[in-house]
């Protein structure tokens, strides 16, 4: 237990008290570290159980399936822990199965989504209108120039581009200002690009601000 020792002179009893405090301090450090490891392990088990239960149940997104069921398309950056069970090839900019993203997949789902085509998500090696759809989930925010990416997906898709966008207020970006359409238009006009990851995400939106952004760049939204 914590102790408050009032020292008035050096004595054997003071030394004994100091020894007890030092032993208590040393003994408490491993306990704190152990508790932190246990808490982290419990959180991982909880998250992994949630992901695996969803995979076992094979719960489709009703919204996504209502547009894409029965069609053939492309998924940008598919991940094992965020599956939508689409008839789609997976396009990833990395061939390696040991990137931080793939490591996180394995940590949560205990396996990794196979990469079918290695290419930048905003520069697809496909002809115009070569697939029924292009789909992405929690990916658009990782593009320095999301306008370029969206226009590329529209080029490749015959019918639909379906994008699942994280809501700013439900992520670690909650304290960041929304990314304005003006900023995104400026990035696109100057051809802004980067091989580096942003500290969190390049862009953050709410549902309303993303819809406004799509309207500003001339994309018609069918549903949200």
C-alpha atoms as a PDB file:
ATOM      1  CA  UNK A   1       0.000   0.000   0.000  1.00  0.00           C
ATOM      2  CA  UNK A   2       1.139   3.609  -0.510  1.00  0.00           C
ATOM      3  CA  UNK A   3       2.985   5.087   2.433  1.00  0.00           C
ATOM      4  CA  UNK A   4       3.693   8.653   3.505  1.00  0.00           C
ATOM      5  CA  UNK A   5       6.915   8.872   5.503  1.00  0.00           C
ATOM      6  CA  UNK A   6       7.836  12.041   7.356  1.00  0.00           C
ATOM      7  CA  UNK A   7      11.586  12.181   7.667  1.00  0.00           C
ATOM      8  CA  UNK A   8      13.080  14.126  10.584  1.00  0.00           C
ATOM      9  CA  UNK A   9      16.428  12.360  10.887  1.00  0.00           C
ATOM     10  CA  UNK A  10      18.355   9.513   9.361  1.00  0.00           C
ATOM     11  CA  UNK A  11      17.880   6.349  11.350  1.00  0.00           C
ATOM     12  CA  UNK A  12      17.643   2.591  10.977  1.00  0.00           C
ATOM     13  CA  UNK A  13      13.856   2.845  10.893  1.00  0.00           C
ATOM     14  CA  UNK A  14      14.075   5.376   8.039  1.00  0.00           C
ATOM     15  CA  UNK A  15      16.266   3.000   6.100  1.00  0.00           C
ATOM     16  CA  UNK A  16      13.856   0.156   6.711  1.00  0.00           C
ATOM     17  CA  UNK A  17      10.967   2.310   5.498  1.00  0.00           C
ATOM     18  CA  UNK A  18      12.881   3.306   2.396  1.00  0.00           C
ATOM     19  CA  UNK A  19      13.656  -0.337   1.678  1.00  0.00           C
ATOM     20  CA  UNK A  20       9.999  -1.260   1.958  1.00  0.00           C
ATOM     21  CA  UNK A  21       9.016   1.553  -0.411  1.00  0.00           C
ATOM     22  CA  UNK A  22      11.670   0.550  -2.923  1.00  0.00           C
ATOM     23  CA  UNK A  23      10.564  -3.084  -2.829  1.00  0.00           C
ATOM     24  CA  UNK A  24       6.934  -2.036  -3.258  1.00  0.00           C
ATOM     25  CA  UNK A  25       7.857   0.162  -6.229  1.00  0.00           C
ATOM     26  CA  UNK A  26       9.831  -2.634  -7.916  1.00  0.00           C
ATOM     27  CA  UNK A  27       7.083  -5.175  -7.292  1.00  0.00           C
ATOM     28  CA  UNK A  28       4.355  -2.891  -8.675  1.00  0.00           C
ATOM     29  CA  UNK A  29       5.993  -2.235 -12.067  1.00  0.00           C
ATOM     30  CA  UNK A  30       5.642  -5.810 -13.407  1.00  0.00           C
ATOM     31  CA  UNK A  31       2.076  -5.895 -12.117  1.00  0.00           C
ATOM     32  CA  UNK A  32       1.201  -2.744 -14.054  1.00  0.00           C
ATOM     33  CA  UNK A  33       2.852  -4.085 -17.185  1.00  0.00           C
ATOM     34  CA  UNK A  34       1.141  -7.422 -16.728  1.00  0.00           C
ATOM     35  CA  UNK A  35      -2.256  -5.761 -16.279  1.00  0.00           C
ATOM     36  CA  UNK A  36      -1.696  -3.705 -19.442  1.00  0.00           C
ATOM     37  CA  UNK A  37      -0.782  -6.836 -21.399  1.00  0.00           C
ATOM     38  CA  UNK A  38      -3.821  -8.664 -20.058  1.00  0.00           C
ATOM     39  CA  UNK A  39      -6.103  -5.754 -20.990  1.00  0.00           C
ATOM     40  CA  UNK A  40      -4.617  -5.611 -24.494  1.00  0.00           C
ATOM     41  CA  UNK A  41      -5.026  -9.359 -24.879  1.00  0.00           C
ATOM     42  CA  UNK A  42      -8.639  -9.223 -23.724  1.00  0.00           C
ATOM     43  CA  UNK A  43      -9.340  -6.414 -26.208  1.00  0.00           C
ATOM     44  CA  UNK A  44      -7.757  -8.411 -29.041  1.00  0.00           C
ATOM     45  CA  UNK A  45      -9.788 -11.510 -28.140  1.00  0.00           C
ATOM     46  CA  UNK A  46     -12.965  -9.415 -28.027  1.00  0.00           C
ATOM     47  CA  UNK A  47     -12.292  -7.792 -31.409  1.00  0.00           C
ATOM     48  CA  UNK A  48     -11.172 -11.052 -32.995  1.00  0.00           C
ATOM     49  CA  UNK A  49     -14.271 -12.857 -31.688  1.00  0.00           C
ATOM     50  CA  UNK A  50     -16.498 -10.160 -33.187  1.00  0.00           C
ATOM     51  CA  UNK A  51     -14.759 -10.435 -36.563  1.00  0.00           C
ATOM     52  CA  UNK A  52     -14.766 -14.241 -36.620  1.00  0.00           C
ATOM     53  CA  UNK A  53     -18.399 -14.420 -35.565  1.00  0.00           C
ATOM     54  CA  UNK A  54     -19.290 -12.142 -38.449  1.00  0.00           C
ATOM     55  CA  UNK A  55     -17.280 -14.277 -40.857  1.00  0.00           C
ATOM     56  CA  UNK A  56     -18.937 -17.461 -39.626  1.00  0.00           C
ATOM     57  CA  UNK A  57     -22.386 -15.942 -39.959  1.00  0.00           C
ATOM     58  CA  UNK A  58     -21.422 -14.534 -43.364  1.00  0.00           C
ATOM     59  CA  UNK A  59     -23.491 -11.442 -42.774  1.00  0.00           C
ATOM     60  CA  UNK A  60     -23.764  -9.477 -45.983  1.00  0.00           C
ATOM     61  CA  UNK A  61     -24.339  -5.743 -45.997  1.00  0.00           C
ATOM     62  CA  UNK A  62     -27.918  -5.323 -47.171  1.00  0.00           C
ATOM     63  CA  UNK A  63     -27.093  -1.932 -48.649  1.00  0.00           C
ATOM     64  CA  UNK A  64     -24.073  -3.161 -50.612  1.00  0.00           C
ATOM     65  CA  UNK A  65     -25.751  -6.408 -51.674  1.00  0.00           C
ATOM     66  CA  UNK A  66     -28.817  -4.545 -52.933  1.00  0.00           C
ATOM     67  CA  UNK A  67     -26.656  -2.990 -55.641  1.00  0.00           C
ATOM     68  CA  UNK A  68     -23.904  -5.532 -56.263  1.00  0.00           C
ATOM     69  CA  UNK A  69     -25.366  -9.002 -55.731  1.00  0.00           C
ATOM     70  CA  UNK A  70     -25.009 -11.075 -58.887  1.00  0.00           C
ATOM     71  CA  UNK A  71     -22.563  -8.670 -60.516  1.00  0.00           C
ATOM     72  CA  UNK A  72     -18.837  -9.008 -61.214  1.00  0.00           C
ATOM     73  CA  UNK A  73     -16.437  -6.299 -60.222  1.00  0.00           C
ATOM     74  CA  UNK A  74     -13.315  -4.971 -58.568  1.00  0.00           C
ATOM     75  CA  UNK A  75     -12.712  -4.363 -54.880  1.00  0.00           C
ATOM     76  CA  UNK A  76     -10.014  -1.870 -53.956  1.00  0.00           C
ATOM     77  CA  UNK A  77      -7.969  -2.977 -50.956  1.00  0.00           C
ATOM     78  CA  UNK A  78     -10.137  -5.862 -49.732  1.00  0.00           C
ATOM     79  CA  UNK A  79      -9.381  -7.121 -46.234  1.00  0.00           C
ATOM     80  CA  UNK A  80     -10.124 -10.399 -44.479  1.00  0.00           C
ATOM     81  CA  UNK A  81     -11.624  -8.732 -41.395  1.00  0.00           C
ATOM     82  CA  UNK A  82     -13.940  -6.497 -43.418  1.00  0.00           C
ATOM     83  CA  UNK A  83     -15.474  -8.862 -45.962  1.00  0.00           C
ATOM     84  CA  UNK A  84     -18.498  -8.173 -48.140  1.00  0.00           C
ATOM     85  CA  UNK A  85     -18.595 -11.513 -50.000  1.00  0.00           C
ATOM     86  CA  UNK A  86     -18.630  -9.940 -53.440  1.00  0.00           C
ATOM     87  CA  UNK A  87     -17.820 -11.519 -56.772  1.00  0.00           C
ATOM     88  CA  UNK A  88     -14.801  -9.283 -57.191  1.00  0.00           C
ATOM     89  CA  UNK A  89     -11.077  -9.371 -57.797  1.00  0.00           C
ATOM     90  CA  UNK A  90      -8.960  -7.695 -55.144  1.00  0.00           C
ATOM     91  CA  UNK A  91      -6.705  -4.870 -56.306  1.00  0.00           C
ATOM     92  CA  UNK A  92      -3.965  -3.792 -53.901  1.00  0.00           C
ATOM     93  CA  UNK A  93      -1.031  -1.474 -54.433  1.00  0.00           C
ATOM     94  CA  UNK A  94       1.257  -3.859 -52.529  1.00  0.00           C
ATOM     95  CA  UNK A  95       2.152  -7.392 -53.564  1.00  0.00           C
ATOM     96  CA  UNK A  96       3.634  -8.152 -50.152  1.00  0.00           C
ATOM     97  CA  UNK A  97       1.483 -10.029 -47.667  1.00  0.00           C
ATOM     98  CA  UNK A  98       3.494  -8.554 -44.789  1.00  0.00           C
ATOM     99  CA  UNK A  99       2.462  -4.891 -44.919  1.00  0.00           C
ATOM    100  CA  UNK A 100       1.044  -3.246 -41.771  1.00  0.00           C
ATOM    101  CA  UNK A 101      -2.434  -3.605 -43.299  1.00  0.00           C
ATOM    102  CA  UNK A 102      -1.957  -7.336 -43.887  1.00  0.00           C
ATOM    103  CA  UNK A 103      -0.522  -7.787 -40.418  1.00  0.00           C
ATOM    104  CA  UNK A 104      -3.621  -6.150 -38.959  1.00  0.00           C
ATOM    105  CA  UNK A 105      -5.828  -8.445 -41.071  1.00  0.00           C
ATOM    106  CA  UNK A 106      -4.085 -11.485 -39.674  1.00  0.00           C
ATOM    107  CA  UNK A 107      -4.218 -10.116 -36.136  1.00  0.00           C
ATOM    108  CA  UNK A 108      -7.986  -9.706 -36.315  1.00  0.00           C
ATOM    109  CA  UNK A 109      -9.127 -12.451 -38.690  1.00  0.00           C
ATOM    110  CA  UNK A 110      -6.195 -14.885 -38.458  1.00  0.00           C
ATOM    111  CA  UNK A 111      -5.838 -14.929 -42.235  1.00  0.00           C
ATOM    112  CA  UNK A 112      -5.260 -12.464 -45.078  1.00  0.00           C
ATOM    113  CA  UNK A 113      -7.234 -11.609 -48.207  1.00  0.00           C
ATOM    114  CA  UNK A 114      -5.509 -12.753 -51.391  1.00  0.00           C
ATOM    115  CA  UNK A 115      -4.302 -10.021 -53.725  1.00  0.00           C
ATOM    116  CA  UNK A 116      -5.325 -10.696 -57.328  1.00  0.00           C
ATOM    117  CA  UNK A 117      -3.950  -7.622 -59.089  1.00  0.00           C
ATOM    118  CA  UNK A 118      -1.145  -5.349 -57.903  1.00  0.00           C
ATOM    119  CA  UNK A 119      -1.805  -1.780 -59.015  1.00  0.00           C
ATOM    120  CA  UNK A 120      -2.438   1.685 -57.570  1.00  0.00           C
ATOM    121  CA  UNK A 121      -6.102   2.050 -56.685  1.00  0.00           C
ATOM    122  CA  UNK A 122      -6.317   5.291 -58.657  1.00  0.00           C
ATOM    123  CA  UNK A 123      -4.588   3.899 -61.757  1.00  0.00           C
ATOM    124  CA  UNK A 124      -6.291   0.631 -62.603  1.00  0.00           C
ATOM    125  CA  UNK A 125      -4.956  -1.567 -65.438  1.00  0.00           C
ATOM    126  CA  UNK A 126      -8.411  -2.162 -66.911  1.00  0.00           C
ATOM    127  CA  UNK A 127     -10.243  -0.863 -69.961  1.00  0.00           C
ATOM    128  CA  UNK A 128     -13.159   1.551 -69.699  1.00  0.00           C
ATOM    129  CA  UNK A 129     -16.336  -0.129 -68.481  1.00  0.00           C
ATOM    130  CA  UNK A 130     -14.655  -3.513 -68.083  1.00  0.00           C
ATOM    131  CA  UNK A 131     -16.454  -4.473 -64.839  1.00  0.00           C
ATOM    132  CA  UNK A 132     -19.979  -4.114 -63.490  1.00  0.00           C
ATOM    133  CA  UNK A 133     -18.787  -2.286 -60.395  1.00  0.00           C
ATOM    134  CA  UNK A 134     -15.908  -0.956 -58.360  1.00  0.00           C
ATOM    135  CA  UNK A 135     -16.235  -1.246 -54.591  1.00  0.00           C
ATOM    136  CA  UNK A 136     -14.155   0.059 -51.703  1.00  0.00           C
ATOM    137  CA  UNK A 137     -14.599   0.052 -47.945  1.00  0.00           C
ATOM    138  CA  UNK A 138     -12.545   2.289 -45.641  1.00  0.00           C
ATOM    139  CA  UNK A 139     -10.084   2.991 -48.448  1.00  0.00           C
ATOM    140  CA  UNK A 140     -10.980   6.331 -50.078  1.00  0.00           C
ATOM    141  CA  UNK A 141      -9.603   8.277 -47.085  1.00  0.00           C
ATOM    142  CA  UNK A 142      -6.143   6.811 -47.782  1.00  0.00           C
ATOM    143  CA  UNK A 143      -5.852   8.502 -51.208  1.00  0.00           C
ATOM    144  CA  UNK A 144      -4.084  11.895 -51.257  1.00  0.00           C
ATOM    145  CA  UNK A 145      -6.324  12.805 -54.222  1.00  0.00           C
ATOM    146  CA  UNK A 146      -9.690  11.066 -53.750  1.00  0.00           C
ATOM    147  CA  UNK A 147     -11.121  12.831 -56.817  1.00  0.00           C
ATOM    148  CA  UNK A 148      -8.607  11.053 -59.048  1.00  0.00           C
ATOM    149  CA  UNK A 149      -9.526   7.736 -57.428  1.00  0.00           C
ATOM    150  CA  UNK A 150     -13.278   8.224 -57.808  1.00  0.00           C
ATOM    151  CA  UNK A 151     -12.994   9.307 -61.440  1.00  0.00           C
ATOM    152  CA  UNK A 152     -10.855   6.231 -62.146  1.00  0.00           C
ATOM    153  CA  UNK A 153     -13.424   3.944 -60.547  1.00  0.00           C
ATOM    154  CA  UNK A 154     -16.219   5.554 -62.564  1.00  0.00           C
ATOM    155  CA  UNK A 155     -14.160   4.956 -65.715  1.00  0.00           C
ATOM    156  CA  UNK A 156     -13.805   1.221 -65.033  1.00  0.00           C
ATOM    157  CA  UNK A 157     -17.325   0.521 -63.717  1.00  0.00           C
ATOM    158  CA  UNK A 158     -20.174  -0.129 -66.167  1.00  0.00           C
ATOM    159  CA  UNK A 159     -22.912   0.226 -63.566  1.00  0.00           C
ATOM    160  CA  UNK A 160     -21.959   1.175 -60.019  1.00  0.00           C
ATOM    161  CA  UNK A 161     -19.237   2.592 -57.831  1.00  0.00           C
ATOM    162  CA  UNK A 162     -20.036   1.768 -54.198  1.00  0.00           C
ATOM    163  CA  UNK A 163     -17.917   3.408 -51.514  1.00  0.00           C
ATOM    164  CA  UNK A 164     -18.056   2.769 -47.766  1.00  0.00           C
ATOM    165  CA  UNK A 165     -16.605   5.866 -46.105  1.00  0.00           C
ATOM    166  CA  UNK A 166     -15.748   6.069 -42.385  1.00  0.00           C
ATOM    167  CA  UNK A 167     -17.690   8.783 -40.563  1.00  0.00           C
ATOM    168  CA  UNK A 168     -15.275  11.214 -38.957  1.00  0.00           C
ATOM    169  CA  UNK A 169     -17.113  11.268 -35.626  1.00  0.00           C
ATOM    170  CA  UNK A 170     -16.921   7.478 -35.259  1.00  0.00           C
ATOM    171  CA  UNK A 171     -13.162   7.168 -35.734  1.00  0.00           C
ATOM    172  CA  UNK A 172      -9.971   8.458 -34.172  1.00  0.00           C
ATOM    173  CA  UNK A 173     -10.372  11.477 -36.503  1.00  0.00           C
ATOM    174  CA  UNK A 174     -13.245  12.844 -34.398  1.00  0.00           C
ATOM    175  CA  UNK A 175     -11.282  15.903 -33.274  1.00  0.00           C
ATOM    176  CA  UNK A 176     -10.113  16.842 -36.792  1.00  0.00           C
ATOM    177  CA  UNK A 177     -11.810  19.452 -38.986  1.00  0.00           C
ATOM    178  CA  UNK A 178     -13.705  18.129 -41.977  1.00  0.00           C
ATOM    179  CA  UNK A 179     -11.813  18.122 -45.250  1.00  0.00           C
ATOM    180  CA  UNK A 180     -13.429  20.765 -47.444  1.00  0.00           C
ATOM    181  CA  UNK A 181     -14.327  20.258 -51.079  1.00  0.00           C
ATOM    182  CA  UNK A 182     -12.190  23.307 -51.876  1.00  0.00           C
ATOM    183  CA  UNK A 183      -9.106  21.624 -50.432  1.00  0.00           C
ATOM    184  CA  UNK A 184      -9.793  18.436 -52.372  1.00  0.00           C
ATOM    185  CA  UNK A 185     -10.375  20.327 -55.604  1.00  0.00           C
ATOM    186  CA  UNK A 186      -7.087  22.176 -55.065  1.00  0.00           C
ATOM    187  CA  UNK A 187      -5.223  18.911 -54.487  1.00  0.00           C
ATOM    188  CA  UNK A 188      -6.683  17.488 -57.694  1.00  0.00           C
ATOM    189  CA  UNK A 189      -5.905  20.606 -59.724  1.00  0.00           C
ATOM    190  CA  UNK A 190      -2.233  20.517 -58.738  1.00  0.00           C
ATOM    191  CA  UNK A 191      -1.974  16.741 -59.226  1.00  0.00           C
ATOM    192  CA  UNK A 192      -1.064  16.232 -55.585  1.00  0.00           C
ATOM    193  CA  UNK A 193       0.231  12.785 -54.766  1.00  0.00           C
ATOM    194  CA  UNK A 194       2.386  11.090 -52.157  1.00  0.00           C
ATOM    195  CA  UNK A 195       3.855   7.670 -51.471  1.00  0.00           C
ATOM    196  CA  UNK A 196       3.705   8.357 -47.756  1.00  0.00           C
ATOM    197  CA  UNK A 197       0.824   7.556 -45.442  1.00  0.00           C
ATOM    198  CA  UNK A 198      -0.831  10.504 -43.722  1.00  0.00           C
ATOM    199  CA  UNK A 199      -0.541  10.497 -39.911  1.00  0.00           C
ATOM    200  CA  UNK A 200      -4.110   9.200 -39.814  1.00  0.00           C
ATOM    201  CA  UNK A 201      -6.117   9.716 -43.020  1.00  0.00           C
ATOM    202  CA  UNK A 202      -5.636  12.146 -45.853  1.00  0.00           C
ATOM    203  CA  UNK A 203      -9.295  13.197 -45.750  1.00  0.00           C
ATOM    204  CA  UNK A 204     -12.167  13.050 -43.257  1.00  0.00           C
ATOM    205  CA  UNK A 205     -15.886  13.377 -43.924  1.00  0.00           C
ATOM    206  CA  UNK A 206     -19.307  13.043 -42.422  1.00  0.00           C
ATOM    207  CA  UNK A 207     -22.080  11.552 -44.541  1.00  0.00           C
ATOM    208  CA  UNK A 208     -23.351  15.032 -45.391  1.00  0.00           C
ATOM    209  CA  UNK A 209     -19.950  16.437 -46.313  1.00  0.00           C
ATOM    210  CA  UNK A 210     -19.115  13.447 -48.516  1.00  0.00           C
ATOM    211  CA  UNK A 211     -22.400  13.797 -50.390  1.00  0.00           C
ATOM    212  CA  UNK A 212     -21.686  17.498 -50.889  1.00  0.00           C
ATOM    213  CA  UNK A 213     -18.191  16.607 -52.114  1.00  0.00           C
ATOM    214  CA  UNK A 214     -19.605  14.148 -54.687  1.00  0.00           C
ATOM    215  CA  UNK A 215     -22.028  16.793 -55.921  1.00  0.00           C
ATOM    216  CA  UNK A 216     -19.196  19.307 -56.296  1.00  0.00           C
ATOM    217  CA  UNK A 217     -17.196  16.956 -58.524  1.00  0.00           C
ATOM    218  CA  UNK A 218     -20.184  15.982 -60.670  1.00  0.00           C
ATOM    219  CA  UNK A 219     -20.926  12.492 -59.330  1.00  0.00           C
ATOM    220  CA  UNK A 220     -24.574  11.499 -58.971  1.00  0.00           C
ATOM    221  CA  UNK A 221     -25.273   9.597 -55.755  1.00  0.00           C
ATOM    222  CA  UNK A 222     -28.007   6.955 -56.036  1.00  0.00           C
ATOM    223  CA  UNK A 223     -28.264   6.040 -52.342  1.00  0.00           C
ATOM    224  CA  UNK A 224     -26.608   6.505 -48.992  1.00  0.00           C
END
